[in-house]
Protein backbone atom coordinates (compact mmCIF):
# COMPACT_ATOMS: atom_id res chain seq x y z
CA MET A 1 25.80 8.72 7.79
CA GLN A 2 25.47 7.05 4.41
CA ILE A 3 23.79 4.03 6.01
CA VAL A 4 21.19 6.31 7.62
CA PHE A 5 20.58 7.98 4.25
CA LEU A 6 20.09 4.60 2.57
CA ASN A 7 17.70 3.52 5.31
CA LEU A 8 15.69 6.72 4.89
CA LYS A 9 15.52 6.17 1.14
CA PHE A 10 14.42 2.58 1.68
CA ALA A 11 11.83 3.64 4.28
CA ARG A 12 10.42 6.26 1.89
CA PHE A 13 10.31 3.64 -0.88
CA LEU A 14 8.45 1.21 1.40
CA ILE A 15 6.00 3.86 2.61
CA GLY A 16 5.39 5.00 -0.96
CA GLY A 17 4.70 1.40 -1.99
CA VAL A 18 2.26 0.88 0.87
CA VAL A 19 0.43 4.13 0.06
CA LYS A 20 0.16 3.17 -3.63
CA LEU A 21 -1.09 -0.27 -2.63
CA ARG A 22 -3.71 1.25 -0.33
CA VAL A 23 -4.90 3.63 -3.06
CA ALA A 24 -5.08 0.74 -5.54
CA LEU A 25 -7.04 -1.34 -3.04
CA LEU A 26 -9.41 1.56 -2.34
CA ASN A 27 -10.06 1.96 -6.07
CA LEU A 28 -10.54 -1.80 -6.42
CA ASP A 29 -12.88 -1.83 -3.42
CA ARG A 30 -14.93 1.00 -4.90
CA ARG A 31 -15.16 -0.66 -8.34
CA GLU A 32 -15.88 -4.16 -7.06
CA ALA A 33 -17.66 -3.66 -3.76
CA LEU A 34 -19.29 -7.09 -4.10
CA ASN A 35 -15.98 -8.90 -4.62
CA PRO A 36 -15.17 -10.70 -1.32
CA LEU A 37 -11.48 -11.07 -2.22
CA ALA A 38 -11.09 -7.32 -2.71
CA ALA A 39 -12.89 -6.73 0.59
CA GLN A 40 -10.56 -9.21 2.34
CA LEU A 41 -7.46 -7.54 0.90
CA PHE A 42 -8.79 -4.16 1.97
CA MET A 43 -9.26 -5.42 5.54
CA TRP A 44 -5.58 -6.37 5.81
CA PHE A 45 -4.33 -2.78 5.39
């Protein structure tokens, strides 16, 4: 049971990280729409 709980915590941590990364990339994409690197990063997610 404890292993499942740890996995859930880890999954939530990972999902939270991905969401934050996506939000950061969206903000970056909006600020620097002409930056090809930002556009490339945005495409990966």
